[in-house]
PDB file of N, CA and C in Angstrom:
ATOM      1  N   MET A   1     -72.346   3.038 -67.996  1.00  0.00           N
ATOM      2  CA  MET A   1     -73.018   4.245 -67.506  1.00  0.00           C
ATOM      3  C   MET A   1     -73.880   5.255 -68.126  1.00  0.00           C
ATOM      4  N   SER A   2     -74.602   5.449 -67.840  1.00  0.00           N
ATOM      5  CA  SER A   2     -75.794   5.453 -68.731  1.00  0.00           C
ATOM      6  C   SER A   2     -75.728   7.035 -68.477  1.00  0.00           C
ATOM      7  N   ILE A   3     -76.399   7.915 -69.289  1.00  0.00           N
ATOM      8  CA  ILE A   3     -76.940   9.522 -69.204  1.00  0.00           C
ATOM      9  C   ILE A   3     -77.611   9.500 -67.986  1.00  0.00           C
ATOM     10  N   LEU A   4     -78.699   8.402 -68.067  1.00  0.00           N
ATOM     11  CA  LEU A   4     -79.787   8.802 -67.038  1.00  0.00           C
ATOM     12  C   LEU A   4     -79.262   8.625 -65.911  1.00  0.00           C
ATOM     13  N   ARG A   5     -78.577   7.744 -65.326  1.00  0.00           N
ATOM     14  CA  ARG A   5     -77.468   7.680 -64.518  1.00  0.00           C
ATOM     15  C   ARG A   5     -76.295   9.112 -63.808  1.00  0.00           C
ATOM     16  N   VAL A   6     -76.146   9.512 -64.823  1.00  0.00           N
ATOM     17  CA  VAL A   6     -74.785  10.561 -64.307  1.00  0.00           C
ATOM     18  C   VAL A   6     -75.920  11.969 -64.344  1.00  0.00           C
ATOM     19  N   LEU A   7     -76.842  12.214 -64.959  1.00  0.00           N
ATOM     20  CA  LEU A   7     -77.993  13.100 -64.602  1.00  0.00           C
ATOM     21  C   LEU A   7     -78.477  12.762 -62.841  1.00  0.00           C
ATOM     22  N   LEU A   8     -78.545  11.613 -62.757  1.00  0.00           N
ATOM     23  CA  LEU A   8     -79.208  11.382 -61.298  1.00  0.00           C
ATOM     24  C   LEU A   8     -78.218  11.418 -59.918  1.00  0.00           C
ATOM     25  N   CYS A   9     -76.980  11.096 -60.442  1.00  0.00           N
ATOM     26  CA  CYS A   9     -76.420  11.466 -59.730  1.00  0.00           C
ATOM     27  C   CYS A   9     -75.874  12.903 -59.628  1.00  0.00           C
ATOM     28  N   ILE A  10     -76.119  13.914 -60.512  1.00  0.00           N
ATOM     29  CA  ILE A  10     -76.169  15.361 -60.126  1.00  0.00           C
ATOM     30  C   ILE A  10     -76.799  15.803 -59.902  1.00  0.00           C
ATOM     31  N   ILE A  11     -78.182  15.421 -60.621  1.00  0.00           N
ATOM     32  CA  ILE A  11     -79.472  15.678 -59.292  1.00  0.00           C
ATOM     33  C   ILE A  11     -79.627  14.746 -58.023  1.00  0.00           C
ATOM     34  N   PHE A  12     -79.623  14.144 -57.723  1.00  0.00           N
ATOM     35  CA  PHE A  12     -79.661  13.556 -56.465  1.00  0.00           C
ATOM     36  C   PHE A  12     -78.750  12.828 -56.088  1.00  0.00           C
ATOM     37  N   PRO A  13     -77.720  12.837 -55.750  1.00  0.00           N
ATOM     38  CA  PRO A  13     -77.268  11.752 -56.232  1.00  0.00           C
ATOM     39  C   PRO A  13     -77.047   9.905 -54.527  1.00  0.00           C
ATOM     40  N   PRO A  14     -77.819  10.318 -53.517  1.00  0.00           N
ATOM     41  CA  PRO A  14     -78.503   8.945 -52.745  1.00  0.00           C
ATOM     42  C   PRO A  14     -79.042   8.081 -54.000  1.00  0.00           C
ATOM     43  N   LEU A  15     -79.854   8.815 -54.813  1.00  0.00           N
ATOM     44  CA  LEU A  15     -81.307   8.220 -55.352  1.00  0.00           C
ATOM     45  C   LEU A  15     -80.000   7.351 -57.002  1.00  0.00           C
ATOM     46  N   ALA A  16     -78.996   7.661 -57.299  1.00  0.00           N
ATOM     47  CA  ALA A  16     -78.540   7.265 -58.028  1.00  0.00           C
ATOM     48  C   ALA A  16     -77.825   6.190 -58.041  1.00  0.00           C
ATOM     49  N   VAL A  17     -77.623   6.124 -55.960  1.00  0.00           N
ATOM     50  CA  VAL A  17     -76.448   5.111 -55.955  1.00  0.00           C
ATOM     51  C   VAL A  17     -77.627   3.781 -55.184  1.00  0.00           C
ATOM     52  N   ILE A  18     -78.468   3.454 -54.819  1.00  0.00           N
ATOM     53  CA  ILE A  18     -79.591   3.039 -54.698  1.00  0.00           C
ATOM     54  C   ILE A  18     -79.187   1.908 -54.445  1.00  0.00           C
ATOM     55  N   ASP A  19     -78.514   1.200 -55.392  1.00  0.00           N
ATOM     56  CA  ASP A  19     -78.884  -0.093 -56.077  1.00  0.00           C
ATOM     57  C   ASP A  19     -77.499  -0.528 -55.655  1.00  0.00           C
ATOM     58  N   LYS A  20     -76.265  -0.025 -55.280  1.00  0.00           N
ATOM     59  CA  LYS A  20     -75.182  -0.530 -54.898  1.00  0.00           C
ATOM     60  C   LYS A  20     -75.088  -1.252 -53.581  1.00  0.00           C
ATOM     61  N   GLY A  21     -75.729  -0.904 -52.565  1.00  0.00           N
ATOM     62  CA  GLY A  21     -76.322  -1.350 -51.190  1.00  0.00           C
ATOM     63  C   GLY A  21     -76.522   0.259 -50.255  1.00  0.00           C
ATOM     64  N   CYS A  22     -76.618  -0.305 -49.105  1.00  0.00           N
ATOM     65  CA  CYS A  22     -77.178   0.159 -48.161  1.00  0.00           C
ATOM     66  C   CYS A  22     -76.553   1.352 -47.730  1.00  0.00           C
ATOM     67  N   GLY A  23     -74.938   0.641 -47.391  1.00  0.00           N
ATOM     68  CA  GLY A  23     -73.692   1.203 -47.311  1.00  0.00           C
ATOM     69  C   GLY A  23     -73.341   2.365 -48.068  1.00  0.00           C
ATOM     70  N   SER A  24     -73.540   2.569 -49.422  1.00  0.00           N
ATOM     71  CA  SER A  24     -73.243   3.701 -50.211  1.00  0.00           C
ATOM     72  C   SER A  24     -74.376   4.099 -50.901  1.00  0.00           C
ATOM     73  N   VAL A  25     -75.444   4.181 -50.534  1.00  0.00           N
ATOM     74  CA  VAL A  25     -76.265   4.857 -49.867  1.00  0.00           C
ATOM     75  C   VAL A  25     -75.814   5.637 -48.820  1.00  0.00           C
ATOM     76  N   LEU A  26     -76.198   5.465 -47.836  1.00  0.00           N
ATOM     77  CA  LEU A  26     -75.607   5.675 -46.485  1.00  0.00           C
ATOM     78  C   LEU A  26     -74.640   7.544 -46.522  1.00  0.00           C
ATOM     79  N   ILE A  27     -73.203   6.966 -46.918  1.00  0.00           N
ATOM     80  CA  ILE A  27     -72.233   7.242 -47.190  1.00  0.00           C
ATOM     81  C   ILE A  27     -72.490   9.098 -48.161  1.00  0.00           C
ATOM     82  N   VAL A  28     -73.066   8.416 -49.657  1.00  0.00           N
ATOM     83  CA  VAL A  28     -73.042   9.645 -50.550  1.00  0.00           C
ATOM     84  C   VAL A  28     -74.653  10.654 -49.501  1.00  0.00           C
ATOM     85  N   PHE A  29     -75.101   9.705 -49.110  1.00  0.00           N
ATOM     86  CA  PHE A  29     -75.989  10.764 -48.141  1.00  0.00           C
ATOM     87  C   PHE A  29     -75.835  11.726 -47.243  1.00  0.00           C
ATOM     88  N   LEU A  30     -74.327  10.812 -46.787  1.00  0.00           N
ATOM     89  CA  LEU A  30     -74.147  12.181 -45.947  1.00  0.00           C
ATOM     90  C   LEU A  30     -73.020  13.263 -46.146  1.00  0.00           C
ATOM     91  N   LEU A  31     -72.313  12.521 -47.535  1.00  0.00           N
ATOM     92  CA  LEU A  31     -71.445  13.291 -48.204  1.00  0.00           C
ATOM     93  C   LEU A  31     -72.917  14.617 -49.187  1.00  0.00           C
ATOM     94  N   THR A  32     -73.474  13.878 -48.958  1.00  0.00           N
ATOM     95  CA  THR A  32     -74.391  15.069 -49.968  1.00  0.00           C
ATOM     96  C   THR A  32     -74.473  16.141 -48.676  1.00  0.00           C
ATOM     97  N   LEU A  33     -74.924  16.043 -47.272  1.00  0.00           N
ATOM     98  CA  LEU A  33     -76.139  16.611 -46.598  1.00  0.00           C
ATOM     99  C   LEU A  33     -75.197  17.451 -46.370  1.00  0.00           C
ATOM    100  N   ALA A  34     -73.365  17.032 -46.131  1.00  0.00           N
ATOM    101  CA  ALA A  34     -72.064  17.801 -45.800  1.00  0.00           C
ATOM    102  C   ALA A  34     -72.019  18.978 -46.847  1.00  0.00           C
ATOM    103  N   GLY A  35     -71.685  18.362 -48.483  1.00  0.00           N
ATOM    104  CA  GLY A  35     -71.993  19.373 -49.208  1.00  0.00           C
ATOM    105  C   GLY A  35     -72.840  18.318 -50.042  1.00  0.00           C
ATOM    106  N   TRP A  36     -73.412  19.518 -51.044  1.00  0.00           N
ATOM    107  CA  TRP A  36     -73.537  18.979 -52.480  1.00  0.00           C
ATOM    108  C   TRP A  36     -72.834  18.487 -53.450  1.00  0.00           C
ATOM    109  N   ILE A  37     -71.415  18.789 -53.556  1.00  0.00           N
ATOM    110  CA  ILE A  37     -70.146  18.658 -54.502  1.00  0.00           C
ATOM    111  C   ILE A  37     -69.552  17.120 -54.332  1.00  0.00           C
ATOM    112  N   PRO A  38     -69.313  16.958 -52.233  1.00  0.00           N
ATOM    113  CA  PRO A  38     -68.487  15.737 -52.673  1.00  0.00           C
ATOM    114  C   PRO A  38     -69.618  14.797 -52.216  1.00  0.00           C
ATOM    115  N   GLY A  39     -70.947  14.527 -52.218  1.00  0.00           N
ATOM    116  CA  GLY A  39     -72.486  14.012 -52.381  1.00  0.00           C
ATOM    117  C   GLY A  39     -71.616  13.534 -54.040  1.00  0.00           C
ATOM    118  N   VAL A  40     -72.014  14.361 -55.002  1.00  0.00           N
ATOM    119  CA  VAL A  40     -71.673  13.795 -56.118  1.00  0.00           C
ATOM    120  C   VAL A  40     -70.339  13.644 -57.400  1.00  0.00           C
ATOM    121  N   ILE A  41     -69.764  14.109 -56.186  1.00  0.00           N
ATOM    122  CA  ILE A  41     -68.632  13.022 -56.730  1.00  0.00           C
ATOM    123  C   ILE A  41     -68.376  11.985 -56.406  1.00  0.00           C
ATOM    124  N   ALA A  42     -68.823  11.335 -54.769  1.00  0.00           N
ATOM    125  CA  ALA A  42     -68.741   9.813 -54.048  1.00  0.00           C
ATOM    126  C   ALA A  42     -69.955   9.619 -55.778  1.00  0.00           C
ATOM    127  N   ALA A  43     -71.064   9.852 -55.352  1.00  0.00           N
ATOM    128  CA  ALA A  43     -72.106   9.323 -56.717  1.00  0.00           C
ATOM    129  C   ALA A  43     -71.721   8.896 -57.879  1.00  0.00           C
ATOM    130  N   LEU A  44     -70.950   9.620 -58.037  1.00  0.00           N
ATOM    131  CA  LEU A  44     -70.211   9.910 -59.733  1.00  0.00           C
ATOM    132  C   LEU A  44     -69.277   8.208 -59.925  1.00  0.00           C
ATOM    133  N   ILE A  45     -67.974   8.643 -58.379  1.00  0.00           N
ATOM    134  CA  ILE A  45     -67.351   7.139 -58.867  1.00  0.00           C
ATOM    135  C   ILE A  45     -68.098   5.844 -58.187  1.00  0.00           C
ATOM    136  N   ILE A  46     -69.100   5.843 -57.136  1.00  0.00           N
ATOM    137  CA  ILE A  46     -69.589   4.469 -56.724  1.00  0.00           C
ATOM    138  C   ILE A  46     -70.258   3.869 -58.116  1.00  0.00           C
ATOM    139  N   VAL A  47     -71.185   4.511 -58.944  1.00  0.00           N
ATOM    140  CA  VAL A  47     -72.207   4.208 -59.557  1.00  0.00           C
ATOM    141  C   VAL A  47     -70.974   4.142 -61.443  1.00  0.00           C
ATOM    142  N   ASN A  48     -69.822   4.589 -61.170  1.00  0.00           N
ATOM    143  CA  ASN A  48     -68.195   4.492 -62.174  1.00  0.00           C
ATOM    144  C   ASN A  48     -67.663   2.469 -62.013  1.00  0.00           C
ATOM    145  N   ARG A  49     -68.121   2.289 -60.432  1.00  0.00           N
ATOM    146  CA  ARG A  49     -67.340   1.269 -60.446  1.00  0.00           C
ATOM    147  C   ARG A  49     -68.280  -0.132 -61.084  1.00  0.00           C
ATOM    148  N   ARG A  50     -67.078  -0.752 -61.096  1.00  0.00           N
ATOM    149  CA  ARG A  50     -68.084  -1.999 -62.150  1.00  0.00           C
ATOM    150  C   ARG A  50     -68.207  -2.822 -60.762  1.00  0.00           C
TER     151      ARG A  50
END
């Protein structure tokens, strides 16, 4: 996980998981709309997964 990807997770979570598939983007987008912190946490988890 690169520093750029972590910063992208913090600044705009849905953009950080764009290469992980449509489902991941949708989940992170909805969590970001519900609250910024849940979106960031979900994005970090998805990006950290191999």
